Amino acid sequence: MAEQPLKERDAMICRACGNEERASEGYPCDGCGTFICLVCSMRGVTRCKECQAKVGDTSESA
């Protein structure tokens, strides 16, 4: 008897860049808790696009 392939998926869409990554390889958004991928996290992204738009670009205020 052949085993049926698993149909489970461990992937989520990054709310900052839109890439699909493994759910275990990412962090929550600082604002709302949605998924931010590991690559974006390593680049310093801590908020999803929506939360960043609400906060605005904070680099100009410094």
N, C-alpha and C. Protein backbone atom coordinates (compact mmCIF):
# COMPACT_ATOMS: atom_id res chain seq x y z
N MET A 1 0.83 -1.19 0.00
CA MET A 1 0.00 0.00 0.00
C MET A 1 0.87 1.26 0.00
N ALA A 2 0.60 2.15 -0.90
CA ALA A 2 1.34 3.40 -0.96
C ALA A 2 0.71 4.42 -0.02
N GLU A 3 1.56 5.18 0.64
CA GLU A 3 1.06 6.21 1.55
C GLU A 3 0.60 7.42 0.76
N GLN A 4 -0.44 8.07 1.25
CA GLN A 4 -0.93 9.29 0.64
C GLN A 4 0.00 10.45 1.03
N PRO A 5 0.32 11.34 0.10
CA PRO A 5 1.17 12.48 0.45
C PRO A 5 0.44 13.43 1.39
N LEU A 6 1.19 14.05 2.28
CA LEU A 6 0.60 15.02 3.19
C LEU A 6 0.14 16.26 2.43
N LYS A 7 -0.97 16.79 2.84
CA LYS A 7 -1.49 17.99 2.19
C LYS A 7 -1.42 19.19 3.13
N GLU A 8 -0.70 19.03 4.22
CA GLU A 8 -0.54 20.14 5.16
C GLU A 8 0.47 21.12 4.60
N ARG A 9 0.27 22.40 4.93
CA ARG A 9 1.21 23.43 4.50
C ARG A 9 1.63 24.24 5.70
N ASP A 10 2.90 24.49 5.81
CA ASP A 10 3.44 25.29 6.90
C ASP A 10 3.99 26.58 6.30
N ALA A 11 3.13 27.32 5.61
CA ALA A 11 3.58 28.53 4.95
C ALA A 11 2.61 29.67 5.22
N MET A 12 3.17 30.86 5.30
CA MET A 12 2.37 32.07 5.49
C MET A 12 2.90 33.14 4.54
N ILE A 13 2.07 34.12 4.25
CA ILE A 13 2.46 35.23 3.39
C ILE A 13 2.98 36.36 4.29
N CYS A 14 4.18 36.84 3.98
CA CYS A 14 4.76 37.95 4.73
C CYS A 14 3.94 39.21 4.42
N ARG A 15 3.51 39.91 5.45
CA ARG A 15 2.70 41.10 5.26
C ARG A 15 3.53 42.35 4.98
N ALA A 16 4.85 42.18 4.92
CA ALA A 16 5.72 43.31 4.56
C ALA A 16 6.16 43.23 3.11
N CYS A 17 6.59 42.02 2.66
CA CYS A 17 7.11 41.89 1.29
C CYS A 17 6.23 41.05 0.38
N GLY A 18 5.34 40.25 0.95
CA GLY A 18 4.44 39.44 0.14
C GLY A 18 4.96 38.06 -0.21
N ASN A 19 6.17 37.72 0.20
CA ASN A 19 6.71 36.39 -0.08
C ASN A 19 6.07 35.34 0.81
N GLU A 20 5.98 34.13 0.30
CA GLU A 20 5.45 33.01 1.08
C GLU A 20 6.63 32.29 1.72
N GLU A 21 6.63 32.20 3.03
CA GLU A 21 7.72 31.58 3.77
C GLU A 21 7.15 30.62 4.80
N ARG A 22 8.02 29.76 5.34
CA ARG A 22 7.60 28.85 6.40
C ARG A 22 7.16 29.67 7.61
N ALA A 23 6.08 29.28 8.21
CA ALA A 23 5.52 30.03 9.34
C ALA A 23 6.47 30.06 10.52
N SER A 24 7.27 29.02 10.69
CA SER A 24 8.18 28.98 11.82
C SER A 24 9.40 29.87 11.61
N GLU A 25 9.58 30.40 10.43
CA GLU A 25 10.72 31.24 10.12
C GLU A 25 10.29 32.69 9.94
N GLY A 26 9.80 33.28 11.00
CA GLY A 26 9.37 34.66 10.94
C GLY A 26 8.99 35.18 12.31
N TYR A 27 8.56 36.41 12.34
CA TYR A 27 8.21 37.09 13.59
C TYR A 27 6.91 37.84 13.42
N PRO A 28 6.23 38.17 14.52
CA PRO A 28 4.99 38.94 14.41
C PRO A 28 5.27 40.43 14.20
N CYS A 29 4.35 41.09 13.55
CA CYS A 29 4.41 42.55 13.37
C CYS A 29 4.31 43.21 14.75
N ASP A 30 5.09 44.27 14.96
CA ASP A 30 5.03 45.00 16.24
C ASP A 30 3.69 45.67 16.47
N GLY A 31 2.98 45.99 15.40
CA GLY A 31 1.71 46.69 15.54
C GLY A 31 0.51 45.78 15.71
N CYS A 32 0.38 44.79 14.82
CA CYS A 32 -0.85 43.99 14.81
C CYS A 32 -0.62 42.50 15.00
N GLY A 33 0.63 42.03 14.92
CA GLY A 33 0.91 40.63 15.15
C GLY A 33 0.86 39.75 13.93
N THR A 34 0.65 40.31 12.73
CA THR A 34 0.65 39.48 11.53
C THR A 34 2.08 39.04 11.20
N PHE A 35 2.21 38.10 10.30
CA PHE A 35 3.49 37.45 9.99
C PHE A 35 4.44 38.35 9.21
N ILE A 36 5.68 38.46 9.70
CA ILE A 36 6.78 39.13 9.01
C ILE A 36 7.86 38.07 8.80
N CYS A 37 8.30 37.86 7.57
CA CYS A 37 9.27 36.79 7.28
C CYS A 37 10.64 37.09 7.88
N LEU A 38 11.46 36.07 7.94
CA LEU A 38 12.79 36.17 8.52
C LEU A 38 13.67 37.15 7.74
N VAL A 39 13.56 37.15 6.42
CA VAL A 39 14.37 38.05 5.60
C VAL A 39 14.04 39.50 5.92
N CYS A 40 12.77 39.83 6.01
CA CYS A 40 12.38 41.20 6.35
C CYS A 40 12.83 41.54 7.76
N SER A 41 12.70 40.61 8.68
CA SER A 41 13.15 40.84 10.05
C SER A 41 14.64 41.14 10.09
N MET A 42 15.43 40.41 9.30
CA MET A 42 16.87 40.63 9.26
C MET A 42 17.21 41.99 8.63
N ARG A 43 16.33 42.49 7.79
CA ARG A 43 16.52 43.81 7.17
C ARG A 43 16.07 44.94 8.08
N GLY A 44 15.52 44.60 9.24
CA GLY A 44 15.09 45.62 10.19
C GLY A 44 13.62 45.98 10.10
N VAL A 45 12.85 45.26 9.29
CA VAL A 45 11.42 45.52 9.17
C VAL A 45 10.73 44.92 10.39
N THR A 46 9.99 45.73 11.12
CA THR A 46 9.29 45.25 12.31
C THR A 46 7.78 45.42 12.22
N ARG A 47 7.31 46.10 11.16
CA ARG A 47 5.87 46.32 10.99
C ARG A 47 5.44 45.91 9.59
N CYS A 48 4.20 45.44 9.48
CA CYS A 48 3.64 45.12 8.17
C CYS A 48 3.39 46.42 7.40
N LYS A 49 3.04 46.30 6.13
CA LYS A 49 2.81 47.50 5.30
C LYS A 49 1.72 48.39 5.87
N GLU A 50 0.64 47.78 6.35
CA GLU A 50 -0.48 48.56 6.88
C GLU A 50 -0.09 49.33 8.14
N CYS A 51 0.59 48.67 9.07
CA CYS A 51 1.00 49.33 10.31
C CYS A 51 2.04 50.41 10.03
N GLN A 52 2.95 50.15 9.09
CA GLN A 52 3.96 51.16 8.75
C GLN A 52 3.31 52.38 8.13
N ALA A 53 2.27 52.17 7.33
CA ALA A 53 1.56 53.28 6.71
C ALA A 53 0.84 54.12 7.78
N LYS A 54 0.32 53.47 8.80
CA LYS A 54 -0.35 54.19 9.89
C LYS A 54 0.63 55.04 10.68
N VAL A 55 1.83 54.49 10.93
CA VAL A 55 2.86 55.18 11.71
C VAL A 55 3.55 56.25 10.86
N GLY A 56 3.74 55.96 9.59
CA GLY A 56 4.45 56.86 8.70
C GLY A 56 5.94 56.60 8.76
N ASP A 57 6.69 57.33 7.99
CA ASP A 57 8.14 57.17 7.96
C ASP A 57 8.74 57.97 9.12
N THR A 58 9.27 57.27 10.10
CA THR A 58 9.82 57.92 11.30
C THR A 58 11.23 58.41 11.08
N SER A 59 11.89 58.05 9.99
CA SER A 59 13.27 58.48 9.77
C SER A 59 13.36 59.97 9.48
N GLU A 60 12.30 60.60 8.99
CA GLU A 60 12.33 62.03 8.69
C GLU A 60 12.21 62.89 9.93
N SER A 61 11.67 62.35 11.01
CA SER A 61 11.45 63.15 12.22
C SER A 61 12.70 63.26 13.07
N ALA A 62 13.76 62.55 12.75
CA ALA A 62 14.98 62.58 13.57
C ALA A 62 15.85 63.76 13.26
